[in-house]
Amino acid sequence: MFISNAYAQAAAAGDAPSTLMSLLPLLLMFVVLWFVMIRPQMKRQKEHKAMIEALAKGDEVLTAGGLLGKVTKLGDPYISIEVANGVEVQLQRTAVAQVLPKGTLK
């Protein structure tokens, strides 16, 4: 009976390195996810924020809803875009998905 207790204690001391090794794959997965998913998403968010802040009157934009138009008025939370002659739509700045090259709209 005493011998089996001694073996159990010796086995417990041997488990310490294996718990560290069992956490290693979890840490490795987190590092891979960071470089594959989280870091590129943060980069896209930073680029989108810079694009929205750089909007100017006369820019041709594509909205998240698929509207194409020319920026006519700039406000802090909202902008107005002209989608046709005399037709202006007001939307949030964050709804702008892309700034198009000049001359795209005719």
PDB file of N, CA and C in Angstrom:
ATOM      1  N   MET A   1       0.805  -1.183   0.000  1.00  0.00           N
ATOM      2  CA  MET A   1       0.000   0.000   0.000  1.00  0.00           C
ATOM      3  C   MET A   1       0.860   1.263   0.000  1.00  0.00           C
ATOM      4  N   PHE A   2       1.941   1.272   0.777  1.00  0.00           N
ATOM      5  CA  PHE A   2       2.819   2.424   0.796  1.00  0.00           C
ATOM      6  C   PHE A   2       3.575   2.580  -0.511  1.00  0.00           C
ATOM      7  N   ILE A   3       3.868   1.498  -1.141  1.00  0.00           N
ATOM      8  CA  ILE A   3       4.622   1.553  -2.386  1.00  0.00           C
ATOM      9  C   ILE A   3       3.801   2.228  -3.490  1.00  0.00           C
ATOM     10  N   SER A   4       2.529   1.899  -3.580  1.00  0.00           N
ATOM     11  CA  SER A   4       1.704   2.516  -4.615  1.00  0.00           C
ATOM     12  C   SER A   4       1.552   4.015  -4.380  1.00  0.00           C
ATOM     13  N   ASN A   5       1.501   4.456  -3.121  1.00  0.00           N
ATOM     14  CA  ASN A   5       1.449   5.888  -2.843  1.00  0.00           C
ATOM     15  C   ASN A   5       2.728   6.577  -3.298  1.00  0.00           C
ATOM     16  N   ALA A   6       3.842   5.939  -3.110  1.00  0.00           N
ATOM     17  CA  ALA A   6       5.113   6.508  -3.521  1.00  0.00           C
ATOM     18  C   ALA A   6       5.158   6.631  -5.044  1.00  0.00           C
ATOM     19  N   TYR A   7       4.648   5.652  -5.752  1.00  0.00           N
ATOM     20  CA  TYR A   7       4.622   5.734  -7.213  1.00  0.00           C
ATOM     21  C   TYR A   7       3.684   6.846  -7.676  1.00  0.00           C
ATOM     22  N   ALA A   8       2.589   7.030  -6.986  1.00  0.00           N
ATOM     23  CA  ALA A   8       1.646   8.077  -7.372  1.00  0.00           C
ATOM     24  C   ALA A   8       2.273   9.450  -7.211  1.00  0.00           C
ATOM     25  N   GLN A   9       3.046   9.643  -6.152  1.00  0.00           N
ATOM     26  CA  GLN A   9       3.696  10.930  -5.949  1.00  0.00           C
ATOM     27  C   GLN A   9       4.769  11.161  -6.993  1.00  0.00           C
ATOM     28  N   ALA A  10       5.463  10.146  -7.368  1.00  0.00           N
ATOM     29  CA  ALA A  10       6.501  10.290  -8.384  1.00  0.00           C
ATOM     30  C   ALA A  10       5.876  10.600  -9.741  1.00  0.00           C
ATOM     31  N   ALA A  11       4.734  10.032 -10.025  1.00  0.00           N
ATOM     32  CA  ALA A  11       4.060  10.289 -11.296  1.00  0.00           C
ATOM     33  C   ALA A  11       3.529  11.712 -11.343  1.00  0.00           C
ATOM     34  N   ALA A  12       3.083  12.236 -10.216  1.00  0.00           N
ATOM     35  CA  ALA A  12       2.578  13.603 -10.173  1.00  0.00           C
ATOM     36  C   ALA A  12       3.694  14.596 -10.466  1.00  0.00           C
ATOM     37  N   ALA A  13       4.885  14.316 -10.004  1.00  0.00           N
ATOM     38  CA  ALA A  13       6.001  15.209 -10.269  1.00  0.00           C
ATOM     39  C   ALA A  13       6.359  15.190 -11.755  1.00  0.00           C
ATOM     40  N   GLY A  14       6.134  14.101 -12.411  1.00  0.00           N
ATOM     41  CA  GLY A  14       6.424  13.998 -13.832  1.00  0.00           C
ATOM     42  C   GLY A  14       5.370  14.676 -14.703  1.00  0.00           C
ATOM     43  N   ASP A  15       4.198  15.020 -14.178  1.00  0.00           N
ATOM     44  CA  ASP A  15       3.125  15.648 -14.951  1.00  0.00           C
ATOM     45  C   ASP A  15       3.355  17.135 -15.192  1.00  0.00           C
ATOM     46  N   ALA A  16       4.201  17.779 -14.447  1.00  0.00           N
ATOM     47  CA  ALA A  16       4.405  19.222 -14.580  1.00  0.00           C
ATOM     48  C   ALA A  16       4.866  19.618 -15.983  1.00  0.00           C
ATOM     49  N   PRO A  17       5.866  18.975 -16.559  1.00  0.00           N
ATOM     50  CA  PRO A  17       6.263  19.349 -17.922  1.00  0.00           C
ATOM     51  C   PRO A  17       5.176  19.034 -18.960  1.00  0.00           C
ATOM     52  N   SER A  18       4.389  18.004 -18.730  1.00  0.00           N
ATOM     53  CA  SER A  18       3.369  17.661 -19.718  1.00  0.00           C
ATOM     54  C   SER A  18       2.237  18.689 -19.724  1.00  0.00           C
ATOM     55  N   THR A  19       1.930  19.338 -18.597  1.00  0.00           N
ATOM     56  CA  THR A  19       0.910  20.389 -18.603  1.00  0.00           C
ATOM     57  C   THR A  19       1.396  21.596 -19.387  1.00  0.00           C
ATOM     58  N   LEU A  20       2.666  21.886 -19.282  1.00  0.00           N
ATOM     59  CA  LEU A  20       3.236  22.976 -20.072  1.00  0.00           C
ATOM     60  C   LEU A  20       3.178  22.640 -21.557  1.00  0.00           C
ATOM     61  N   MET A  21       3.473  21.428 -21.889  1.00  0.00           N
ATOM     62  CA  MET A  21       3.420  20.996 -23.284  1.00  0.00           C
ATOM     63  C   MET A  21       1.984  20.960 -23.801  1.00  0.00           C
ATOM     64  N   SER A  22       1.011  20.752 -22.946  1.00  0.00           N
ATOM     65  CA  SER A  22      -0.378  20.737 -23.393  1.00  0.00           C
ATOM     66  C   SER A  22      -0.888  22.161 -23.653  1.00  0.00           C
ATOM     67  N   LEU A  23      -0.305  23.163 -23.027  1.00  0.00           N
ATOM     68  CA  LEU A  23      -0.687  24.552 -23.271  1.00  0.00           C
ATOM     69  C   LEU A  23       0.006  25.139 -24.505  1.00  0.00           C
ATOM     70  N   LEU A  24       1.099  24.544 -24.914  1.00  0.00           N
ATOM     71  CA  LEU A  24       1.849  25.049 -26.057  1.00  0.00           C
ATOM     72  C   LEU A  24       1.027  25.083 -27.348  1.00  0.00           C
ATOM     73  N   PRO A  25       0.273  24.053 -27.714  1.00  0.00           N
ATOM     74  CA  PRO A  25      -0.543  24.139 -28.933  1.00  0.00           C
ATOM     75  C   PRO A  25      -1.612  25.240 -28.865  1.00  0.00           C
ATOM     76  N   LEU A  26      -2.161  25.449 -27.688  1.00  0.00           N
ATOM     77  CA  LEU A  26      -3.157  26.514 -27.530  1.00  0.00           C
ATOM     78  C   LEU A  26      -2.525  27.880 -27.769  1.00  0.00           C
ATOM     79  N   LEU A  27      -1.361  28.099 -27.219  1.00  0.00           N
ATOM     80  CA  LEU A  27      -0.655  29.358 -27.443  1.00  0.00           C
ATOM     81  C   LEU A  27      -0.250  29.518 -28.903  1.00  0.00           C
ATOM     82  N   LEU A  28       0.178  28.447 -29.512  1.00  0.00           N
ATOM     83  CA  LEU A  28       0.559  28.484 -30.919  1.00  0.00           C
ATOM     84  C   LEU A  28      -0.641  28.821 -31.807  1.00  0.00           C
ATOM     85  N   MET A  29      -1.810  28.249 -31.498  1.00  0.00           N
ATOM     86  CA  MET A  29      -3.025  28.557 -32.261  1.00  0.00           C
ATOM     87  C   MET A  29      -3.400  30.024 -32.118  1.00  0.00           C
ATOM     88  N   PHE A  30      -3.269  30.587 -30.927  1.00  0.00           N
ATOM     89  CA  PHE A  30      -3.584  31.996 -30.720  1.00  0.00           C
ATOM     90  C   PHE A  30      -2.662  32.889 -31.539  1.00  0.00           C
ATOM     91  N   VAL A  31      -1.376  32.562 -31.562  1.00  0.00           N
ATOM     92  CA  VAL A  31      -0.422  33.364 -32.336  1.00  0.00           C
ATOM     93  C   VAL A  31      -0.750  33.296 -33.824  1.00  0.00           C
ATOM     94  N   VAL A  32      -1.087  32.124 -34.323  1.00  0.00           N
ATOM     95  CA  VAL A  32      -1.441  31.978 -35.742  1.00  0.00           C
ATOM     96  C   VAL A  32      -2.708  32.766 -36.050  1.00  0.00           C
ATOM     97  N   LEU A  33      -3.724  32.665 -35.195  1.00  0.00           N
ATOM     98  CA  LEU A  33      -4.960  33.427 -35.409  1.00  0.00           C
ATOM     99  C   LEU A  33      -4.706  34.922 -35.376  1.00  0.00           C
ATOM    100  N   TRP A  34      -3.804  35.366 -34.543  1.00  0.00           N
ATOM    101  CA  TRP A  34      -3.476  36.781 -34.472  1.00  0.00           C
ATOM    102  C   TRP A  34      -2.947  37.278 -35.818  1.00  0.00           C
ATOM    103  N   PHE A  35      -2.020  36.537 -36.399  1.00  0.00           N
ATOM    104  CA  PHE A  35      -1.411  36.982 -37.650  1.00  0.00           C
ATOM    105  C   PHE A  35      -2.299  36.726 -38.866  1.00  0.00           C
ATOM    106  N   VAL A  36      -3.196  35.770 -38.788  1.00  0.00           N
ATOM    107  CA  VAL A  36      -4.040  35.438 -39.939  1.00  0.00           C
ATOM    108  C   VAL A  36      -5.345  36.223 -39.939  1.00  0.00           C
ATOM    109  N   MET A  37      -5.945  36.460 -38.774  1.00  0.00           N
ATOM    110  CA  MET A  37      -7.272  37.071 -38.732  1.00  0.00           C
ATOM    111  C   MET A  37      -7.305  38.445 -38.067  1.00  0.00           C
ATOM    112  N   ILE A  38      -6.780  38.563 -36.890  1.00  0.00           N
ATOM    113  CA  ILE A  38      -6.962  39.776 -36.101  1.00  0.00           C
ATOM    114  C   ILE A  38      -6.132  40.938 -36.647  1.00  0.00           C
ATOM    115  N   ARG A  39      -4.880  40.717 -36.930  1.00  0.00           N
ATOM    116  CA  ARG A  39      -3.999  41.783 -37.403  1.00  0.00           C
ATOM    117  C   ARG A  39      -4.447  42.360 -38.749  1.00  0.00           C
ATOM    118  N   PRO A  40      -4.805  41.547 -39.756  1.00  0.00           N
ATOM    119  CA  PRO A  40      -5.283  42.124 -41.018  1.00  0.00           C
ATOM    120  C   PRO A  40      -6.590  42.908 -40.855  1.00  0.00           C
ATOM    121  N   GLN A  41      -7.475  42.451 -39.975  1.00  0.00           N
ATOM    122  CA  GLN A  41      -8.729  43.169 -39.754  1.00  0.00           C
ATOM    123  C   GLN A  41      -8.460  44.540 -39.129  1.00  0.00           C
ATOM    124  N   MET A  42      -7.548  44.607 -38.204  1.00  0.00           N
ATOM    125  CA  MET A  42      -7.209  45.893 -37.599  1.00  0.00           C
ATOM    126  C   MET A  42      -6.592  46.837 -38.633  1.00  0.00           C
ATOM    127  N   LYS A  43      -5.805  46.293 -39.542  1.00  0.00           N
ATOM    128  CA  LYS A  43      -5.194  47.104 -40.596  1.00  0.00           C
ATOM    129  C   LYS A  43      -6.265  47.658 -41.530  1.00  0.00           C
ATOM    130  N   ARG A  44      -7.259  46.820 -41.911  1.00  0.00           N
ATOM    131  CA  ARG A  44      -8.350  47.287 -42.771  1.00  0.00           C
ATOM    132  C   ARG A  44      -9.171  48.371 -42.090  1.00  0.00           C
ATOM    133  N   GLN A  45      -9.431  48.211 -40.794  1.00  0.00           N
ATOM    134  CA  GLN A  45     -10.185  49.224 -40.057  1.00  0.00           C
ATOM    135  C   GLN A  45      -9.442  50.552 -40.030  1.00  0.00           C
ATOM    136  N   LYS A  46      -8.135  50.499 -39.845  1.00  0.00           N
ATOM    137  CA  LYS A  46      -7.337  51.722 -39.816  1.00  0.00           C
ATOM    138  C   LYS A  46      -7.350  52.410 -41.182  1.00  0.00           C
ATOM    139  N   GLU A  47      -7.237  51.644 -42.266  1.00  0.00           N
ATOM    140  CA  GLU A  47      -7.276  52.209 -43.612  1.00  0.00           C
ATOM    141  C   GLU A  47      -8.641  52.820 -43.917  1.00  0.00           C
ATOM    142  N   HIS A  48      -9.726  52.147 -43.501  1.00  0.00           N
ATOM    143  CA  HIS A  48     -11.076  52.659 -43.741  1.00  0.00           C
ATOM    144  C   HIS A  48     -11.293  53.966 -42.980  1.00  0.00           C
ATOM    145  N   LYS A  49     -10.811  54.042 -41.756  1.00  0.00           N
ATOM    146  CA  LYS A  49     -10.951  55.263 -40.970  1.00  0.00           C
ATOM    147  C   LYS A  49     -10.197  56.416 -41.621  1.00  0.00           C
ATOM    148  N   ALA A  50      -9.004  56.155 -42.117  1.00  0.00           N
ATOM    149  CA  ALA A  50      -8.222  57.194 -42.797  1.00  0.00           C
ATOM    150  C   ALA A  50      -8.923  57.648 -44.070  1.00  0.00           C
ATOM    151  N   MET A  51      -9.537  56.714 -44.805  1.00  0.00           N
ATOM    152  CA  MET A  51     -10.247  57.066 -46.034  1.00  0.00           C
ATOM    153  C   MET A  51     -11.450  57.951 -45.718  1.00  0.00           C
ATOM    154  N   ILE A  52     -12.181  57.623 -44.681  1.00  0.00           N
ATOM    155  CA  ILE A  52     -13.366  58.395 -44.316  1.00  0.00           C
ATOM    156  C   ILE A  52     -12.982  59.800 -43.859  1.00  0.00           C
ATOM    157  N   GLU A  53     -11.902  59.901 -43.112  1.00  0.00           N
ATOM    158  CA  GLU A  53     -11.457  61.212 -42.649  1.00  0.00           C
ATOM    159  C   GLU A  53     -10.935  62.074 -43.796  1.00  0.00           C
ATOM    160  N   ALA A  54     -10.459  61.457 -44.868  1.00  0.00           N
ATOM    161  CA  ALA A  54      -9.903  62.200 -45.992  1.00  0.00           C
ATOM    162  C   ALA A  54     -10.945  62.550 -47.052  1.00  0.00           C
ATOM    163  N   LEU A  55     -12.213  62.228 -46.821  1.00  0.00           N
ATOM    164  CA  LEU A  55     -13.251  62.569 -47.805  1.00  0.00           C
ATOM    165  C   LEU A  55     -13.303  64.068 -48.024  1.00  0.00           C
ATOM    166  N   ALA A  56     -13.506  64.461 -49.265  1.00  0.00           N
ATOM    167  CA  ALA A  56     -13.601  65.874 -49.610  1.00  0.00           C
ATOM    168  C   ALA A  56     -14.780  66.079 -50.558  1.00  0.00           C
ATOM    169  N   LYS A  57     -15.241  67.311 -50.630  1.00  0.00           N
ATOM    170  CA  LYS A  57     -16.342  67.644 -51.517  1.00  0.00           C
ATOM    171  C   LYS A  57     -15.903  67.401 -52.964  1.00  0.00           C
ATOM    172  N   GLY A  58     -16.748  66.722 -53.726  1.00  0.00           N
ATOM    173  CA  GLY A  58     -16.428  66.411 -55.109  1.00  0.00           C
ATOM    174  C   GLY A  58     -15.891  65.007 -55.321  1.00  0.00           C
ATOM    175  N   ASP A  59     -15.573  64.295 -54.243  1.00  0.00           N
ATOM    176  CA  ASP A  59     -15.106  62.912 -54.368  1.00  0.00           C
ATOM    177  C   ASP A  59     -16.241  62.024 -54.857  1.00  0.00           C
ATOM    178  N   GLU A  60     -15.904  61.065 -55.673  1.00  0.00           N
ATOM    179  CA  GLU A  60     -16.886  60.088 -56.147  1.00  0.00           C
ATOM    180  C   GLU A  60     -16.739  58.842 -55.279  1.00  0.00           C
ATOM    181  N   VAL A  61     -17.867  58.387 -54.713  1.00  0.00           N
ATOM    182  CA  VAL A  61     -17.803  57.314 -53.721  1.00  0.00           C
ATOM    183  C   VAL A  61     -18.781  56.198 -54.060  1.00  0.00           C
ATOM    184  N   LEU A  62     -18.489  55.040 -53.520  1.00  0.00           N
ATOM    185  CA  LEU A  62     -19.360  53.874 -53.553  1.00  0.00           C
ATOM    186  C   LEU A  62     -19.745  53.587 -52.119  1.00  0.00           C
ATOM    187  N   THR A  63     -21.056  53.453 -51.857  1.00  0.00           N
ATOM    188  CA  THR A  63     -21.508  53.207 -50.492  1.00  0.00           C
ATOM    189  C   THR A  63     -21.626  51.707 -50.241  1.00  0.00           C
ATOM    190  N   ALA A  64     -21.806  51.360 -48.973  1.00  0.00           N
ATOM    191  CA  ALA A  64     -21.968  49.958 -48.598  1.00  0.00           C
ATOM    192  C   ALA A  64     -23.251  49.389 -49.178  1.00  0.00           C
ATOM    193  N   GLY A  65     -24.239  50.237 -49.453  1.00  0.00           N
ATOM    194  CA  GLY A  65     -25.498  49.794 -50.042  1.00  0.00           C
ATOM    195  C   GLY A  65     -25.458  49.687 -51.553  1.00  0.00           C
ATOM    196  N   GLY A  66     -24.354  50.095 -52.165  1.00  0.00           N
ATOM    197  CA  GLY A  66     -24.207  49.970 -53.608  1.00  0.00           C
ATOM    198  C   GLY A  66     -24.516  51.237 -54.383  1.00  0.00           C
ATOM    199  N   LEU A  67     -24.748  52.351 -53.711  1.00  0.00           N
ATOM    200  CA  LEU A  67     -25.010  53.611 -54.407  1.00  0.00           C
ATOM    201  C   LEU A  67     -23.702  54.248 -54.850  1.00  0.00           C
ATOM    202  N   LEU A  68     -23.727  54.792 -56.061  1.00  0.00           N
ATOM    203  CA  LEU A  68     -22.602  55.558 -56.567  1.00  0.00           C
ATOM    204  C   LEU A  68     -23.017  57.015 -56.575  1.00  0.00           C
ATOM    205  N   GLY A  69     -22.131  57.889 -56.137  1.00  0.00           N
ATOM    206  CA  GLY A  69     -22.482  59.298 -56.133  1.00  0.00           C
ATOM    207  C   GLY A  69     -21.285  60.174 -55.880  1.00  0.00           C
ATOM    208  N   LYS A  70     -21.554  61.483 -55.981  1.00  0.00           N
ATOM    209  CA  LYS A  70     -20.521  62.491 -55.769  1.00  0.00           C
ATOM    210  C   LYS A  70     -20.830  63.220 -54.466  1.00  0.00           C
ATOM    211  N   VAL A  71     -19.826  63.397 -53.636  1.00  0.00           N
ATOM    212  CA  VAL A  71     -20.002  64.059 -52.345  1.00  0.00           C
ATOM    213  C   VAL A  71     -20.295  65.537 -52.591  1.00  0.00           C
ATOM    214  N   THR A  72     -21.414  66.018 -52.001  1.00  0.00           N
ATOM    215  CA  THR A  72     -21.787  67.425 -52.153  1.00  0.00           C
ATOM    216  C   THR A  72     -21.655  68.205 -50.856  1.00  0.00           C
ATOM    217  N   LYS A  73     -21.931  67.569 -49.733  1.00  0.00           N
ATOM    218  CA  LYS A  73     -21.834  68.235 -48.429  1.00  0.00           C
ATOM    219  C   LYS A  73     -21.161  67.296 -47.444  1.00  0.00           C
ATOM    220  N   LEU A  74     -20.338  67.885 -46.595  1.00  0.00           N
ATOM    221  CA  LEU A  74     -19.654  67.110 -45.563  1.00  0.00           C
ATOM    222  C   LEU A  74     -20.059  67.629 -44.194  1.00  0.00           C
ATOM    223  N   GLY A  75     -20.519  66.734 -43.351  1.00  0.00           N
ATOM    224  CA  GLY A  75     -20.780  67.050 -41.955  1.00  0.00           C
ATOM    225  C   GLY A  75     -19.928  66.136 -41.100  1.00  0.00           C
ATOM    226  N   ASP A  76     -20.065  66.268 -39.792  1.00  0.00           N
ATOM    227  CA  ASP A  76     -19.260  65.398 -38.937  1.00  0.00           C
ATOM    228  C   ASP A  76     -19.751  63.953 -38.992  1.00  0.00           C
ATOM    229  N   PRO A  77     -21.000  63.672 -38.633  1.00  0.00           N
ATOM    230  CA  PRO A  77     -21.414  62.263 -38.716  1.00  0.00           C
ATOM    231  C   PRO A  77     -22.018  61.886 -40.067  1.00  0.00           C
ATOM    232  N   TYR A  78     -22.494  62.867 -40.842  1.00  0.00           N
ATOM    233  CA  TYR A  78     -23.208  62.582 -42.087  1.00  0.00           C
ATOM    234  C   TYR A  78     -22.579  63.300 -43.267  1.00  0.00           C
ATOM    235  N   ILE A  79     -22.785  62.734 -44.450  1.00  0.00           N
ATOM    236  CA  ILE A  79     -22.408  63.388 -45.705  1.00  0.00           C
ATOM    237  C   ILE A  79     -23.601  63.320 -46.641  1.00  0.00           C
ATOM    238  N   SER A  80     -23.614  64.196 -47.632  1.00  0.00           N
ATOM    239  CA  SER A  80     -24.636  64.146 -48.675  1.00  0.00           C
ATOM    240  C   SER A  80     -23.953  63.801 -49.981  1.00  0.00           C
ATOM    241  N   ILE A  81     -24.551  62.855 -50.703  1.00  0.00           N
ATOM    242  CA  ILE A  81     -24.019  62.515 -52.024  1.00  0.00           C
ATOM    243  C   ILE A  81     -25.117  62.718 -53.056  1.00  0.00           C
ATOM    244  N   GLU A  82     -24.698  63.151 -54.225  1.00  0.00           N
ATOM    245  CA  GLU A  82     -25.621  63.340 -55.338  1.00  0.00           C
ATOM    246  C   GLU A  82     -25.567  62.083 -56.196  1.00  0.00           C
ATOM    247  N   VAL A  83     -26.705  61.354 -56.255  1.00  0.00           N
ATOM    248  CA  VAL A  83     -26.738  60.102 -57.002  1.00  0.00           C
ATOM    249  C   VAL A  83     -27.254  60.302 -58.419  1.00  0.00           C
ATOM    250  N   ALA A  84     -27.995  61.395 -58.661  1.00  0.00           N
ATOM    251  CA  ALA A  84     -28.475  61.774 -59.991  1.00  0.00           C
ATOM    252  C   ALA A  84     -28.624  63.288 -59.986  1.00  0.00           C
ATOM    253  N   ASN A  85     -28.909  63.880 -61.136  1.00  0.00           N
ATOM    254  CA  ASN A  85     -29.069  65.331 -61.200  1.00  0.00           C
ATOM    255  C   ASN A  85     -30.221  65.768 -60.301  1.00  0.00           C
ATOM    256  N   GLY A  86     -29.894  66.557 -59.268  1.00  0.00           N
ATOM    257  CA  GLY A  86     -30.898  67.069 -58.355  1.00  0.00           C
ATOM    258  C   GLY A  86     -31.343  66.094 -57.275  1.00  0.00           C
ATOM    259  N   VAL A  87     -30.791  64.905 -57.224  1.00  0.00           N
ATOM    260  CA  VAL A  87     -31.176  63.914 -56.207  1.00  0.00           C
ATOM    261  C   VAL A  87     -30.005  63.721 -55.245  1.00  0.00           C
ATOM    262  N   GLU A  88     -30.202  64.177 -53.995  1.00  0.00           N
ATOM    263  CA  GLU A  88     -29.166  64.030 -52.984  1.00  0.00           C
ATOM    264  C   GLU A  88     -29.634  63.070 -51.905  1.00  0.00           C
ATOM    265  N   VAL A  89     -28.708  62.253 -51.442  1.00  0.00           N
ATOM    266  CA  VAL A  89     -28.979  61.289 -50.382  1.00  0.00           C
ATOM    267  C   VAL A  89     -28.030  61.600 -49.235  1.00  0.00           C
ATOM    268  N   GLN A  90     -28.579  61.589 -48.022  1.00  0.00           N
ATOM    269  CA  GLN A  90     -27.760  61.831 -46.850  1.00  0.00           C
ATOM    270  C   GLN A  90     -27.484  60.488 -46.173  1.00  0.00           C
ATOM    271  N   LEU A  91     -26.230  60.244 -45.817  1.00  0.00           N
ATOM    272  CA  LEU A  91     -25.875  58.986 -45.172  1.00  0.00           C
ATOM    273  C   LEU A  91     -24.720  59.186 -44.219  1.00  0.00           C
ATOM    274  N   GLN A  92     -24.488  58.179 -43.401  1.00  0.00           N
ATOM    275  CA  GLN A  92     -23.385  58.249 -42.448  1.00  0.00           C
ATOM    276  C   GLN A  92     -22.051  58.109 -43.172  1.00  0.00           C
ATOM    277  N   ARG A  93     -21.044  58.737 -42.623  1.00  0.00           N
ATOM    278  CA  ARG A  93     -19.711  58.639 -43.227  1.00  0.00           C
ATOM    279  C   ARG A  93     -19.221  57.195 -43.278  1.00  0.00           C
ATOM    280  N   THR A  94     -19.553  56.416 -42.267  1.00  0.00           N
ATOM    281  CA  THR A  94     -19.069  55.038 -42.216  1.00  0.00           C
ATOM    282  C   THR A  94     -19.685  54.160 -43.296  1.00  0.00           C
ATOM    283  N   ALA A  95     -20.747  54.633 -43.955  1.00  0.00           N
ATOM    284  CA  ALA A  95     -21.377  53.850 -45.011  1.00  0.00           C
ATOM    285  C   ALA A  95     -20.606  53.932 -46.324  1.00  0.00           C
ATOM    286  N   VAL A  96     -19.611  54.781 -46.398  1.00  0.00           N
ATOM    287  CA  VAL A  96     -18.785  54.878 -47.604  1.00  0.00           C
ATOM    288  C   VAL A  96     -17.834  53.694 -47.619  1.00  0.00           C
ATOM    289  N   ALA A  97     -17.937  52.890 -48.673  1.00  0.00           N
ATOM    290  CA  ALA A  97     -17.103  51.699 -48.767  1.00  0.00           C
ATOM    291  C   ALA A  97     -15.818  51.951 -49.549  1.00  0.00           C
ATOM    292  N   GLN A  98     -15.887  52.872 -50.535  1.00  0.00           N
ATOM    293  CA  GLN A  98     -14.728  53.058 -51.399  1.00  0.00           C
ATOM    294  C   GLN A  98     -14.794  54.439 -52.037  1.00  0.00           C
ATOM    295  N   VAL A  99     -13.655  55.071 -52.199  1.00  0.00           N
ATOM    296  CA  VAL A  99     -13.548  56.318 -52.949  1.00  0.00           C
ATOM    297  C   VAL A  99     -13.075  55.936 -54.340  1.00  0.00           C
ATOM    298  N   LEU A 100     -13.855  56.336 -55.339  1.00  0.00           N
ATOM    299  CA  LEU A 100     -13.555  55.973 -56.722  1.00  0.00           C
ATOM    300  C   LEU A 100     -12.635  56.999 -57.367  1.00  0.00           C
ATOM    301  N   PRO A 101     -11.925  56.625 -58.419  1.00  0.00           N
ATOM    302  CA  PRO A 101     -11.090  57.587 -59.138  1.00  0.00           C
ATOM    303  C   PRO A 101     -11.961  58.660 -59.799  1.00  0.00           C
ATOM    304  N   LYS A 102     -11.397  59.845 -59.923  1.00  0.00           N
ATOM    305  CA  LYS A 102     -12.120  60.958 -60.558  1.00  0.00           C
ATOM    306  C   LYS A 102     -12.495  60.571 -61.987  1.00  0.00           C
ATOM    307  N   GLY A 103     -13.712  60.953 -62.390  1.00  0.00           N
ATOM    308  CA  GLY A 103     -14.184  60.669 -63.736  1.00  0.00           C
ATOM    309  C   GLY A 103     -14.868  59.343 -63.896  1.00  0.00           C
ATOM    310  N   THR A 104     -15.045  58.609 -62.819  1.00  0.00           N
ATOM    311  CA  THR A 104     -15.741  57.316 -62.898  1.00  0.00           C
ATOM    312  C   THR A 104     -17.207  57.520 -63.214  1.00  0.00           C
ATOM    313  N   LEU A 105     -17.820  58.500 -62.558  1.00  0.00           N
ATOM    314  CA  LEU A 105     -19.225  58.800 -62.799  1.00  0.00           C
ATOM    315  C   LEU A 105     -19.342  59.821 -63.925  1.00  0.00           C
ATOM    316  N   LYS A 106     -20.362  59.649 -64.755  1.00  0.00           N
ATOM    317  CA  LYS A 106     -20.559  60.596 -65.853  1.00  0.00           C
ATOM    318  C   LYS A 106     -21.950  61.146 -65.808  1.00  0.00           C
TER     319      LYS A 106
END
